[in-house]
PDB file of N, CA and C in Angstrom:
ATOM      1  N   MET A   1      18.737  -5.797 -61.663  1.00  0.00           N
ATOM      2  CA  MET A   1      18.446  -5.718 -62.797  1.00  0.00           C
ATOM      3  C   MET A   1      17.758  -6.658 -63.528  1.00  0.00           C
ATOM      4  N   THR A   2      16.744  -6.940 -64.529  1.00  0.00           N
ATOM      5  CA  THR A   2      16.094  -7.749 -65.469  1.00  0.00           C
ATOM      6  C   THR A   2      16.741  -8.192 -66.385  1.00  0.00           C
ATOM      7  N   GLU A   3      16.826  -9.396 -66.699  1.00  0.00           N
ATOM      8  CA  GLU A   3      17.651 -10.249 -67.801  1.00  0.00           C
ATOM      9  C   GLU A   3      16.211 -10.035 -69.139  1.00  0.00           C
ATOM     10  N   PRO A   4      17.266  -9.255 -70.216  1.00  0.00           N
ATOM     11  CA  PRO A   4      16.087  -9.056 -71.531  1.00  0.00           C
ATOM     12  C   PRO A   4      15.651 -10.652 -71.738  1.00  0.00           C
ATOM     13  N   SER A   5      14.393 -10.589 -72.233  1.00  0.00           N
ATOM     14  CA  SER A   5      13.727 -11.615 -73.298  1.00  0.00           C
ATOM     15  C   SER A   5      15.122 -12.159 -74.260  1.00  0.00           C
ATOM     16  N   PRO A   6      15.075 -13.196 -74.700  1.00  0.00           N
ATOM     17  CA  PRO A   6      15.851 -13.573 -75.822  1.00  0.00           C
ATOM     18  C   PRO A   6      15.575 -12.929 -77.236  1.00  0.00           C
ATOM     19  N   GLU A   7      14.273 -12.554 -77.547  1.00  0.00           N
ATOM     20  CA  GLU A   7      13.825 -11.907 -78.850  1.00  0.00           C
ATOM     21  C   GLU A   7      13.960 -10.263 -78.371  1.00  0.00           C
ATOM     22  N   GLU A   8      13.992 -10.011 -77.347  1.00  0.00           N
ATOM     23  CA  GLU A   8      14.002  -8.328 -77.177  1.00  0.00           C
ATOM     24  C   GLU A   8      14.825  -7.565 -78.268  1.00  0.00           C
ATOM     25  N   LYS A   9      14.502  -6.668 -78.660  1.00  0.00           N
ATOM     26  CA  LYS A   9      15.733  -5.859 -79.311  1.00  0.00           C
ATOM     27  C   LYS A   9      16.055  -4.316 -78.845  1.00  0.00           C
ATOM     28  N   ILE A  10      16.770  -3.610 -79.170  1.00  0.00           N
ATOM     29  CA  ILE A  10      17.263  -2.389 -78.880  1.00  0.00           C
ATOM     30  C   ILE A  10      16.698  -1.424 -79.905  1.00  0.00           C
ATOM     31  N   ASP A  11      16.705  -0.322 -80.093  1.00  0.00           N
ATOM     32  CA  ASP A  11      16.508   0.500 -81.117  1.00  0.00           C
ATOM     33  C   ASP A  11      17.604   0.672 -81.867  1.00  0.00           C
ATOM     34  N   ALA A  12      17.900   0.661 -83.208  1.00  0.00           N
ATOM     35  CA  ALA A  12      18.798   1.051 -83.946  1.00  0.00           C
ATOM     36  C   ALA A  12      19.686   2.211 -83.426  1.00  0.00           C
ATOM     37  N   THR A  13      18.995   3.220 -83.663  1.00  0.00           N
ATOM     38  CA  THR A  13      19.347   4.621 -82.929  1.00  0.00           C
ATOM     39  C   THR A  13      20.255   4.773 -81.646  1.00  0.00           C
ATOM     40  N   PHE A  14      19.750   3.838 -80.638  1.00  0.00           N
ATOM     41  CA  PHE A  14      20.456   3.510 -79.259  1.00  0.00           C
ATOM     42  C   PHE A  14      21.902   2.968 -79.543  1.00  0.00           C
ATOM     43  N   ARG A  15      21.955   2.088 -80.302  1.00  0.00           N
ATOM     44  CA  ARG A  15      22.994   1.356 -80.877  1.00  0.00           C
ATOM     45  C   ARG A  15      23.696   2.016 -81.346  1.00  0.00           C
ATOM     46  N   ASN A  16      23.451   2.935 -82.422  1.00  0.00           N
ATOM     47  CA  ASN A  16      24.507   3.682 -83.166  1.00  0.00           C
ATOM     48  C   ASN A  16      25.110   4.507 -82.591  1.00  0.00           C
ATOM     49  N   GLY A  17      24.264   5.388 -80.870  1.00  0.00           N
ATOM     50  CA  GLY A  17      25.019   6.309 -80.327  1.00  0.00           C
ATOM     51  C   GLY A  17      26.132   5.346 -79.108  1.00  0.00           C
ATOM     52  N   SER A  18      26.147   4.128 -79.303  1.00  0.00           N
ATOM     53  CA  SER A  18      26.897   3.465 -78.457  1.00  0.00           C
ATOM     54  C   SER A  18      27.788   3.338 -79.113  1.00  0.00           C
ATOM     55  N   LEU A  19      27.654   2.726 -80.829  1.00  0.00           N
ATOM     56  CA  LEU A  19      28.865   2.658 -81.534  1.00  0.00           C
ATOM     57  C   LEU A  19      29.557   3.985 -81.723  1.00  0.00           C
ATOM     58  N   THR A  20      29.101   5.047 -81.680  1.00  0.00           N
ATOM     59  CA  THR A  20      30.080   6.212 -82.032  1.00  0.00           C
ATOM     60  C   THR A  20      30.600   6.477 -80.821  1.00  0.00           C
ATOM     61  N   ALA A  21      30.176   6.099 -79.576  1.00  0.00           N
ATOM     62  CA  ALA A  21      31.145   6.475 -77.959  1.00  0.00           C
ATOM     63  C   ALA A  21      32.012   5.559 -78.167  1.00  0.00           C
ATOM     64  N   ALA A  22      31.544   4.114 -78.701  1.00  0.00           N
ATOM     65  CA  ALA A  22      32.765   3.429 -78.620  1.00  0.00           C
ATOM     66  C   ALA A  22      34.084   3.449 -79.403  1.00  0.00           C
ATOM     67  N   GLY A  23      33.595   4.032 -80.699  1.00  0.00           N
ATOM     68  CA  GLY A  23      34.517   4.383 -81.536  1.00  0.00           C
ATOM     69  C   GLY A  23      35.368   5.477 -80.895  1.00  0.00           C
ATOM     70  N   ILE A  24      34.930   6.249 -80.594  1.00  0.00           N
ATOM     71  CA  ILE A  24      36.100   7.503 -80.156  1.00  0.00           C
ATOM     72  C   ILE A  24      36.745   7.048 -79.055  1.00  0.00           C
ATOM     73  N   ILE A  25      36.493   6.409 -77.918  1.00  0.00           N
ATOM     74  CA  ILE A  25      37.187   6.004 -76.590  1.00  0.00           C
ATOM     75  C   ILE A  25      37.964   4.963 -77.544  1.00  0.00           C
ATOM     76  N   LEU A  26      37.851   4.295 -78.400  1.00  0.00           N
ATOM     77  CA  LEU A  26      38.778   3.366 -78.916  1.00  0.00           C
ATOM     78  C   LEU A  26      39.674   4.192 -79.375  1.00  0.00           C
ATOM     79  N   GLY A  27      39.492   5.379 -80.181  1.00  0.00           N
ATOM     80  CA  GLY A  27      40.550   6.356 -80.916  1.00  0.00           C
ATOM     81  C   GLY A  27      41.193   6.556 -79.939  1.00  0.00           C
ATOM     82  N   PHE A  28      40.785   7.267 -79.015  1.00  0.00           N
ATOM     83  CA  PHE A  28      41.580   7.571 -77.854  1.00  0.00           C
ATOM     84  C   PHE A  28      42.996   6.726 -76.914  1.00  0.00           C
ATOM     85  N   SER A  29      42.196   5.665 -77.221  1.00  0.00           N
ATOM     86  CA  SER A  29      43.065   4.622 -76.634  1.00  0.00           C
ATOM     87  C   SER A  29      44.187   4.355 -77.437  1.00  0.00           C
ATOM     88  N   LEU A  30      43.759   4.116 -78.838  1.00  0.00           N
ATOM     89  CA  LEU A  30      44.903   3.652 -79.870  1.00  0.00           C
ATOM     90  C   LEU A  30      45.753   4.711 -80.166  1.00  0.00           C
ATOM     91  N   SER A  31      45.427   6.560 -79.994  1.00  0.00           N
ATOM     92  CA  SER A  31      46.307   7.581 -79.891  1.00  0.00           C
ATOM     93  C   SER A  31      47.008   7.660 -78.897  1.00  0.00           C
ATOM     94  N   PHE A  32      46.703   7.001 -77.665  1.00  0.00           N
ATOM     95  CA  PHE A  32      47.342   7.046 -76.093  1.00  0.00           C
ATOM     96  C   PHE A  32      48.751   5.946 -76.860  1.00  0.00           C
ATOM     97  N   VAL A  33      48.533   5.090 -77.343  1.00  0.00           N
ATOM     98  CA  VAL A  33      49.428   3.732 -77.121  1.00  0.00           C
ATOM     99  C   VAL A  33      50.196   4.324 -78.595  1.00  0.00           C
ATOM    100  N   SER A  34      50.024   4.859 -79.599  1.00  0.00           N
ATOM    101  CA  SER A  34      50.605   5.495 -80.648  1.00  0.00           C
ATOM    102  C   SER A  34      51.618   6.394 -80.152  1.00  0.00           C
ATOM    103  N   SER A  35      51.412   7.536 -79.220  1.00  0.00           N
ATOM    104  CA  SER A  35      52.072   8.363 -78.896  1.00  0.00           C
ATOM    105  C   SER A  35      53.223   8.050 -77.838  1.00  0.00           C
ATOM    106  N   TRP A  36      52.741   7.394 -77.102  1.00  0.00           N
ATOM    107  CA  TRP A  36      53.652   6.473 -76.043  1.00  0.00           C
ATOM    108  C   TRP A  36      54.771   5.528 -76.748  1.00  0.00           C
ATOM    109  N   ALA A  37      54.426   4.557 -77.758  1.00  0.00           N
ATOM    110  CA  ALA A  37      55.117   3.865 -78.240  1.00  0.00           C
ATOM    111  C   ALA A  37      55.934   4.942 -79.128  1.00  0.00           C
ATOM    112  N   SER A  38      55.781   5.938 -80.142  1.00  0.00           N
ATOM    113  CA  SER A  38      56.573   6.465 -80.759  1.00  0.00           C
ATOM    114  C   SER A  38      57.607   7.570 -79.788  1.00  0.00           C
ATOM    115  N   ASN A  39      57.492   7.516 -78.720  1.00  0.00           N
ATOM    116  CA  ASN A  39      58.386   8.299 -77.777  1.00  0.00           C
ATOM    117  C   ASN A  39      59.961   7.627 -78.459  1.00  0.00           C
ATOM    118  N   PRO A  40      60.646   8.421 -78.183  1.00  0.00           N
ATOM    119  CA  PRO A  40      62.244   8.029 -78.860  1.00  0.00           C
ATOM    120  C   PRO A  40      62.955   7.296 -77.677  1.00  0.00           C
ATOM    121  N   ASN A  41      62.424   7.249 -76.497  1.00  0.00           N
ATOM    122  CA  ASN A  41      63.355   6.978 -75.350  1.00  0.00           C
ATOM    123  C   ASN A  41      63.293   5.265 -75.344  1.00  0.00           C
ATOM    124  N   ASP A  42      64.697   4.479 -74.743  1.00  0.00           N
ATOM    125  CA  ASP A  42      64.237   3.108 -74.473  1.00  0.00           C
ATOM    126  C   ASP A  42      63.621   2.680 -73.726  1.00  0.00           C
ATOM    127  N   TRP A  43      63.013   1.384 -74.112  1.00  0.00           N
ATOM    128  CA  TRP A  43      62.241   0.801 -73.364  1.00  0.00           C
ATOM    129  C   TRP A  43      62.960  -0.090 -72.168  1.00  0.00           C
ATOM    130  N   SER A  44      62.050  -0.466 -71.267  1.00  0.00           N
ATOM    131  CA  SER A  44      62.915  -1.144 -70.081  1.00  0.00           C
ATOM    132  C   SER A  44      61.611  -2.129 -69.788  1.00  0.00           C
ATOM    133  N   ARG A  45      61.861  -3.007 -68.985  1.00  0.00           N
ATOM    134  CA  ARG A  45      61.481  -4.264 -68.651  1.00  0.00           C
ATOM    135  C   ARG A  45      60.179  -3.918 -67.852  1.00  0.00           C
ATOM    136  N   ILE A  46      59.961  -3.076 -67.130  1.00  0.00           N
ATOM    137  CA  ILE A  46      58.955  -2.139 -66.091  1.00  0.00           C
ATOM    138  C   ILE A  46      57.936  -1.835 -67.205  1.00  0.00           C
ATOM    139  N   ASP A  47      58.303  -1.289 -68.498  1.00  0.00           N
ATOM    140  CA  ASP A  47      57.248  -0.623 -69.205  1.00  0.00           C
ATOM    141  C   ASP A  47      56.449  -2.041 -69.880  1.00  0.00           C
ATOM    142  N   ILE A  48      56.735  -3.038 -69.781  1.00  0.00           N
ATOM    143  CA  ILE A  48      56.121  -4.338 -70.443  1.00  0.00           C
ATOM    144  C   ILE A  48      54.435  -4.627 -69.876  1.00  0.00           C
ATOM    145  N   LEU A  49      54.491  -4.562 -68.596  1.00  0.00           N
ATOM    146  CA  LEU A  49      53.142  -4.558 -67.661  1.00  0.00           C
ATOM    147  C   LEU A  49      52.109  -3.259 -68.248  1.00  0.00           C
ATOM    148  N   PRO A  50      52.857  -2.285 -68.208  1.00  0.00           N
ATOM    149  CA  PRO A  50      51.212  -1.333 -69.027  1.00  0.00           C
ATOM    150  C   PRO A  50      51.109  -1.300 -69.947  1.00  0.00           C
ATOM    151  N   MET A  51      51.986  -1.860 -71.143  1.00  0.00           N
ATOM    152  CA  MET A  51      51.871  -1.977 -72.210  1.00  0.00           C
ATOM    153  C   MET A  51      50.926  -3.439 -72.567  1.00  0.00           C
ATOM    154  N   LEU A  52      51.146  -4.184 -71.851  1.00  0.00           N
ATOM    155  CA  LEU A  52      50.410  -5.723 -72.180  1.00  0.00           C
ATOM    156  C   LEU A  52      48.690  -5.292 -71.508  1.00  0.00           C
ATOM    157  N   LEU A  53      48.765  -4.312 -70.423  1.00  0.00           N
ATOM    158  CA  LEU A  53      47.233  -4.048 -70.027  1.00  0.00           C
ATOM    159  C   LEU A  53      46.665  -3.058 -71.115  1.00  0.00           C
ATOM    160  N   LEU A  54      47.518  -2.238 -71.982  1.00  0.00           N
ATOM    161  CA  LEU A  54      46.813  -1.216 -72.926  1.00  0.00           C
ATOM    162  C   LEU A  54      46.592  -2.217 -73.752  1.00  0.00           C
ATOM    163  N   THR A  55      47.243  -3.083 -74.284  1.00  0.00           N
ATOM    164  CA  THR A  55      46.878  -3.899 -75.536  1.00  0.00           C
ATOM    165  C   THR A  55      45.770  -5.065 -75.275  1.00  0.00           C
ATOM    166  N   ALA A  56      45.800  -5.311 -74.268  1.00  0.00           N
ATOM    167  CA  ALA A  56      44.548  -6.301 -73.759  1.00  0.00           C
ATOM    168  C   ALA A  56      43.351  -5.443 -73.584  1.00  0.00           C
ATOM    169  N   GLY A  57      43.405  -4.298 -73.314  1.00  0.00           N
ATOM    170  CA  GLY A  57      41.883  -3.329 -73.064  1.00  0.00           C
ATOM    171  C   GLY A  57      41.597  -2.819 -74.315  1.00  0.00           C
ATOM    172  N   ILE A  58      42.645  -2.723 -75.121  1.00  0.00           N
ATOM    173  CA  ILE A  58      42.664  -1.781 -76.546  1.00  0.00           C
ATOM    174  C   ILE A  58      41.994  -3.194 -77.584  1.00  0.00           C
ATOM    175  N   ALA A  59      42.407  -4.678 -77.052  1.00  0.00           N
ATOM    176  CA  ALA A  59      41.773  -5.725 -78.023  1.00  0.00           C
ATOM    177  C   ALA A  59      40.267  -6.094 -77.600  1.00  0.00           C
ATOM    178  N   LEU A  60      40.349  -5.703 -76.574  1.00  0.00           N
ATOM    179  CA  LEU A  60      38.783  -5.983 -76.072  1.00  0.00           C
ATOM    180  C   LEU A  60      37.970  -4.964 -76.266  1.00  0.00           C
ATOM    181  N   GLN A  61      38.406  -3.833 -76.643  1.00  0.00           N
ATOM    182  CA  GLN A  61      37.634  -2.786 -77.266  1.00  0.00           C
ATOM    183  C   GLN A  61      37.180  -2.952 -78.666  1.00  0.00           C
ATOM    184  N   VAL A  62      38.220  -3.522 -79.305  1.00  0.00           N
ATOM    185  CA  VAL A  62      38.077  -3.537 -81.138  1.00  0.00           C
ATOM    186  C   VAL A  62      37.169  -4.674 -81.104  1.00  0.00           C
ATOM    187  N   LYS A  63      37.144  -5.847 -80.636  1.00  0.00           N
ATOM    188  CA  LYS A  63      36.234  -6.914 -80.548  1.00  0.00           C
ATOM    189  C   LYS A  63      34.862  -6.682 -80.178  1.00  0.00           C
ATOM    190  N   VAL A  64      34.697  -5.674 -79.273  1.00  0.00           N
ATOM    191  CA  VAL A  64      33.335  -5.059 -78.508  1.00  0.00           C
ATOM    192  C   VAL A  64      32.834  -4.269 -79.865  1.00  0.00           C
ATOM    193  N   PHE A  65      33.952  -3.397 -80.414  1.00  0.00           N
ATOM    194  CA  PHE A  65      33.297  -2.392 -81.513  1.00  0.00           C
ATOM    195  C   PHE A  65      32.811  -3.063 -83.161  1.00  0.00           C
ATOM    196  N   ALA A  66      33.925  -4.219 -83.112  1.00  0.00           N
ATOM    197  CA  ALA A  66      33.219  -5.445 -84.151  1.00  0.00           C
ATOM    198  C   ALA A  66      32.058  -5.834 -83.758  1.00  0.00           C
ATOM    199  N   ASP A  67      31.550  -6.503 -82.801  1.00  0.00           N
ATOM    200  CA  ASP A  67      30.357  -7.297 -82.287  1.00  0.00           C
ATOM    201  C   ASP A  67      29.203  -6.148 -82.431  1.00  0.00           C
ATOM    202  N   LEU A  68      29.407  -4.663 -82.039  1.00  0.00           N
ATOM    203  CA  LEU A  68      28.462  -3.705 -82.417  1.00  0.00           C
ATOM    204  C   LEU A  68      28.160  -3.503 -83.731  1.00  0.00           C
ATOM    205  N   LEU A  69      28.948  -3.794 -84.408  1.00  0.00           N
ATOM    206  CA  LEU A  69      28.895  -3.600 -85.913  1.00  0.00           C
ATOM    207  C   LEU A  69      27.748  -4.501 -86.442  1.00  0.00           C
ATOM    208  N   ALA A  70      27.820  -5.752 -85.611  1.00  0.00           N
ATOM    209  CA  ALA A  70      27.336  -7.112 -86.254  1.00  0.00           C
ATOM    210  C   ALA A  70      25.671  -6.769 -86.414  1.00  0.00           C
ATOM    211  N   ARG A  71      25.211  -6.957 -87.312  1.00  0.00           N
ATOM    212  CA  ARG A  71      23.442  -7.214 -87.481  1.00  0.00           C
ATOM    213  C   ARG A  71      22.852  -7.666 -85.909  1.00  0.00           C
ATOM    214  N   ASP A  72      23.354  -8.655 -85.632  1.00  0.00           N
ATOM    215  CA  ASP A  72      22.679  -9.199 -84.422  1.00  0.00           C
ATOM    216  C   ASP A  72      22.775  -8.282 -83.143  1.00  0.00           C
ATOM    217  N   SER A  73      23.498  -7.434 -83.242  1.00  0.00           N
ATOM    218  CA  SER A  73      23.951  -6.793 -81.915  1.00  0.00           C
ATOM    219  C   SER A  73      22.629  -5.623 -81.519  1.00  0.00           C
ATOM    220  N   LEU A  74      21.514  -5.498 -82.340  1.00  0.00           N
ATOM    221  CA  LEU A  74      20.390  -5.350 -81.987  1.00  0.00           C
ATOM    222  C   LEU A  74      19.820  -6.006 -80.994  1.00  0.00           C
ATOM    223  N   ILE A  75      20.270  -7.526 -81.186  1.00  0.00           N
ATOM    224  CA  ILE A  75      19.547  -8.451 -79.938  1.00  0.00           C
ATOM    225  C   ILE A  75      19.659  -7.477 -78.510  1.00  0.00           C
ATOM    226  N   ALA A  76      18.737  -7.504 -77.324  1.00  0.00           N
ATOM    227  CA  ALA A  76      18.975  -6.768 -76.069  1.00  0.00           C
ATOM    228  C   ALA A  76      20.323  -7.644 -75.307  1.00  0.00           C
ATOM    229  N   ALA A  77      20.251  -8.940 -75.507  1.00  0.00           N
ATOM    230  CA  ALA A  77      21.135  -9.661 -74.389  1.00  0.00           C
ATOM    231  C   ALA A  77      22.612  -9.373 -75.292  1.00  0.00           C
ATOM    232  N   LYS A  78      22.629  -9.404 -76.521  1.00  0.00           N
ATOM    233  CA  LYS A  78      24.131  -9.601 -77.339  1.00  0.00           C
ATOM    234  C   LYS A  78      24.758  -8.181 -77.017  1.00  0.00           C
ATOM    235  N   TYR A  79      23.683  -6.893 -77.107  1.00  0.00           N
ATOM    236  CA  TYR A  79      24.124  -5.513 -76.768  1.00  0.00           C
ATOM    237  C   TYR A  79      24.459  -5.233 -75.480  1.00  0.00           C
ATOM    238  N   ASP A  80      23.916  -5.827 -74.203  1.00  0.00           N
ATOM    239  CA  ASP A  80      24.200  -5.420 -72.847  1.00  0.00           C
ATOM    240  C   ASP A  80      25.695  -6.676 -72.923  1.00  0.00           C
ATOM    241  N   ARG A  81      26.201  -7.616 -73.372  1.00  0.00           N
ATOM    242  CA  ARG A  81      27.090  -8.215 -73.228  1.00  0.00           C
ATOM    243  C   ARG A  81      28.441  -7.448 -73.698  1.00  0.00           C
ATOM    244  N   ALA A  82      28.102  -6.841 -74.968  1.00  0.00           N
ATOM    245  CA  ALA A  82      28.872  -5.959 -75.553  1.00  0.00           C
ATOM    246  C   ALA A  82      29.145  -4.730 -74.803  1.00  0.00           C
ATOM    247  N   ARG A  83      28.432  -4.101 -74.062  1.00  0.00           N
ATOM    248  CA  ARG A  83      28.502  -2.976 -73.204  1.00  0.00           C
ATOM    249  C   ARG A  83      29.083  -3.349 -72.038  1.00  0.00           C
ATOM    250  N   ARG A  84      29.390  -4.587 -71.663  1.00  0.00           N
ATOM    251  CA  ARG A  84      29.738  -5.063 -70.115  1.00  0.00           C
ATOM    252  C   ARG A  84      31.227  -5.300 -70.454  1.00  0.00           C
ATOM    253  N   LEU A  85      31.543  -5.818 -71.674  1.00  0.00           N
ATOM    254  CA  LEU A  85      33.025  -5.891 -72.369  1.00  0.00           C
ATOM    255  C   LEU A  85      33.381  -4.984 -72.523  1.00  0.00           C
ATOM    256  N   PHE A  86      32.997  -3.590 -73.182  1.00  0.00           N
ATOM    257  CA  PHE A  86      33.498  -2.579 -73.393  1.00  0.00           C
ATOM    258  C   PHE A  86      33.991  -2.036 -71.964  1.00  0.00           C
ATOM    259  N   LEU A  87      33.182  -1.935 -70.864  1.00  0.00           N
ATOM    260  CA  LEU A  87      33.569  -0.903 -69.574  1.00  0.00           C
ATOM    261  C   LEU A  87      34.942  -1.972 -69.063  1.00  0.00           C
ATOM    262  N   ILE A  88      34.864  -3.175 -69.319  1.00  0.00           N
ATOM    263  CA  ILE A  88      35.801  -4.019 -69.004  1.00  0.00           C
ATOM    264  C   ILE A  88      36.989  -3.645 -69.827  1.00  0.00           C
ATOM    265  N   GLY A  89      37.173  -3.286 -70.915  1.00  0.00           N
ATOM    266  CA  GLY A  89      38.396  -2.941 -71.654  1.00  0.00           C
ATOM    267  C   GLY A  89      38.681  -1.328 -71.497  1.00  0.00           C
ATOM    268  N   ILE A  90      37.391  -0.385 -71.220  1.00  0.00           N
ATOM    269  CA  ILE A  90      37.902   0.808 -70.498  1.00  0.00           C
ATOM    270  C   ILE A  90      38.952   0.945 -69.287  1.00  0.00           C
ATOM    271  N   ALA A  91      38.231  -0.200 -68.156  1.00  0.00           N
ATOM    272  CA  ALA A  91      39.128  -0.157 -67.066  1.00  0.00           C
ATOM    273  C   ALA A  91      40.530  -0.763 -67.269  1.00  0.00           C
ATOM    274  N   ILE A  92      40.594  -1.854 -68.070  1.00  0.00           N
ATOM    275  CA  ILE A  92      41.794  -2.535 -68.149  1.00  0.00           C
ATOM    276  C   ILE A  92      42.817  -1.559 -68.820  1.00  0.00           C
ATOM    277  N   VAL A  93      42.253  -0.600 -69.824  1.00  0.00           N
ATOM    278  CA  VAL A  93      43.067   0.589 -70.360  1.00  0.00           C
ATOM    279  C   VAL A  93      43.486   1.519 -69.311  1.00  0.00           C
ATOM    280  N   ALA A  94      42.357   2.004 -68.614  1.00  0.00           N
ATOM    281  CA  ALA A  94      42.806   2.944 -67.719  1.00  0.00           C
ATOM    282  C   ALA A  94      44.092   2.157 -66.836  1.00  0.00           C
ATOM    283  N   ALA A  95      43.824   1.124 -66.086  1.00  0.00           N
ATOM    284  CA  ALA A  95      44.863   0.575 -65.303  1.00  0.00           C
ATOM    285  C   ALA A  95      46.509   0.720 -66.092  1.00  0.00           C
ATOM    286  N   GLY A  96      45.780   0.398 -67.270  1.00  0.00           N
ATOM    287  CA  GLY A  96      47.507   0.306 -67.865  1.00  0.00           C
ATOM    288  C   GLY A  96      47.915   1.721 -67.957  1.00  0.00           C
ATOM    289  N   ILE A  97      47.251   2.920 -68.253  1.00  0.00           N
ATOM    290  CA  ILE A  97      47.487   3.971 -68.061  1.00  0.00           C
ATOM    291  C   ILE A  97      48.184   4.607 -67.079  1.00  0.00           C
ATOM    292  N   GLY A  98      47.341   4.360 -65.858  1.00  0.00           N
ATOM    293  CA  GLY A  98      47.308   4.236 -64.362  1.00  0.00           C
ATOM    294  C   GLY A  98      49.037   4.075 -63.952  1.00  0.00           C
ATOM    295  N   LEU A  99      49.530   2.631 -64.449  1.00  0.00           N
ATOM    296  CA  LEU A  99      50.276   1.681 -63.769  1.00  0.00           C
ATOM    297  C   LEU A  99      51.392   2.553 -64.924  1.00  0.00           C
ATOM    298  N   ALA A 100      51.596   3.059 -65.976  1.00  0.00           N
ATOM    299  CA  ALA A 100      52.557   3.807 -66.994  1.00  0.00           C
ATOM    300  C   ALA A 100      52.595   4.995 -66.241  1.00  0.00           C
ATOM    301  N   LEU A 101      51.758   5.908 -65.567  1.00  0.00           N
ATOM    302  CA  LEU A 101      51.989   7.153 -64.998  1.00  0.00           C
ATOM    303  C   LEU A 101      52.605   6.960 -63.726  1.00  0.00           C
ATOM    304  N   LEU A 102      52.281   5.845 -62.786  1.00  0.00           N
ATOM    305  CA  LEU A 102      52.986   5.484 -61.635  1.00  0.00           C
ATOM    306  C   LEU A 102      54.505   5.205 -61.804  1.00  0.00           C
ATOM    307  N   ASN A 103      54.603   4.158 -62.817  1.00  0.00           N
ATOM    308  CA  ASN A 103      56.150   3.790 -63.007  1.00  0.00           C
ATOM    309  C   ASN A 103      56.971   5.508 -63.594  1.00  0.00           C
ATOM    310  N   ASP A 104      56.540   6.368 -64.270  1.00  0.00           N
ATOM    311  CA  ASP A 104      56.674   7.614 -64.725  1.00  0.00           C
ATOM    312  C   ASP A 104      56.959   8.243 -63.444  1.00  0.00           C
ATOM    313  N   ILE A 105      56.234   8.895 -62.302  1.00  0.00           N
ATOM    314  CA  ILE A 105      56.155   9.255 -61.358  1.00  0.00           C
ATOM    315  C   ILE A 105      56.989   9.072 -60.390  1.00  0.00           C
ATOM    316  N   LEU A 106      57.331   7.773 -60.115  1.00  0.00           N
ATOM    317  CA  LEU A 106      58.429   6.884 -59.310  1.00  0.00           C
ATOM    318  C   LEU A 106      59.258   6.968 -60.155  1.00  0.00           C
ATOM    319  N   GLY A 107      59.567   7.159 -61.186  1.00  0.00           N
ATOM    320  CA  GLY A 107      60.787   7.244 -61.991  1.00  0.00           C
ATOM    321  C   GLY A 107      61.562   5.663 -62.341  1.00  0.00           C
ATOM    322  N   LEU A 108      60.443   4.620 -62.420  1.00  0.00           N
ATOM    323  CA  LEU A 108      61.105   3.355 -62.683  1.00  0.00           C
ATOM    324  C   LEU A 108      60.972   2.896 -64.276  1.00  0.00           C
ATOM    325  N   GLY A 109      60.202   3.758 -64.960  1.00  0.00           N
ATOM    326  CA  GLY A 109      59.899   3.189 -66.244  1.00  0.00           C
ATOM    327  C   GLY A 109      60.799   4.647 -66.868  1.00  0.00           C
ATOM    328  N   SER A 110      61.485   4.243 -68.292  1.00  0.00           N
ATOM    329  CA  SER A 110      62.261   4.967 -68.956  1.00  0.00           C
ATOM    330  C   SER A 110      61.575   5.441 -70.231  1.00  0.00           C
ATOM    331  N   MET A 111      59.856   5.157 -70.533  1.00  0.00           N
ATOM    332  CA  MET A 111      59.186   5.994 -71.203  1.00  0.00           C
ATOM    333  C   MET A 111      58.380   6.958 -70.558  1.00  0.00           C
ATOM    334  N   PRO A 112      59.089   7.957 -70.434  1.00  0.00           N
ATOM    335  CA  PRO A 112      58.090   8.909 -69.867  1.00  0.00           C
ATOM    336  C   PRO A 112      56.879   9.646 -70.500  1.00  0.00           C
ATOM    337  N   ILE A 113      55.756   9.708 -69.501  1.00  0.00           N
ATOM    338  CA  ILE A 113      54.401   9.888 -70.232  1.00  0.00           C
ATOM    339  C   ILE A 113      54.460  11.652 -70.127  1.00  0.00           C
ATOM    340  N   LEU A 114      55.013  12.277 -68.508  1.00  0.00           N
ATOM    341  CA  LEU A 114      54.652  13.130 -68.103  1.00  0.00           C
ATOM    342  C   LEU A 114      55.683  14.143 -68.518  1.00  0.00           C
ATOM    343  N   GLY A 115      56.474  14.219 -69.457  1.00  0.00           N
ATOM    344  CA  GLY A 115      57.685  14.937 -70.325  1.00  0.00           C
ATOM    345  C   GLY A 115      59.025  14.534 -69.712  1.00  0.00           C
TER     346      GLY A 115
END
């Protein structure tokens, strides 16, 4: 894949679609954490690692969302960097959800996800 030139810009419509998708995925991530955290069961130490992963991934998604709102996000290099960071944030959130599900399936955590 070729690197964009420093002055190459993307179309604002394209960036707006990416911004919408990032906002929706960020909303899903925040909704999951909200519903999991409001669970009335007690927390245990095993629940800390999934929550740390979820928090780190969401923080990265929020940073990218803010980056995409900036005027200079139309510069192709900055847009590409934001896109890569957002995908990393999604992967970290997915790892946190997967670990929380694994803890629930194995009966290790006290915060059940599956009910």
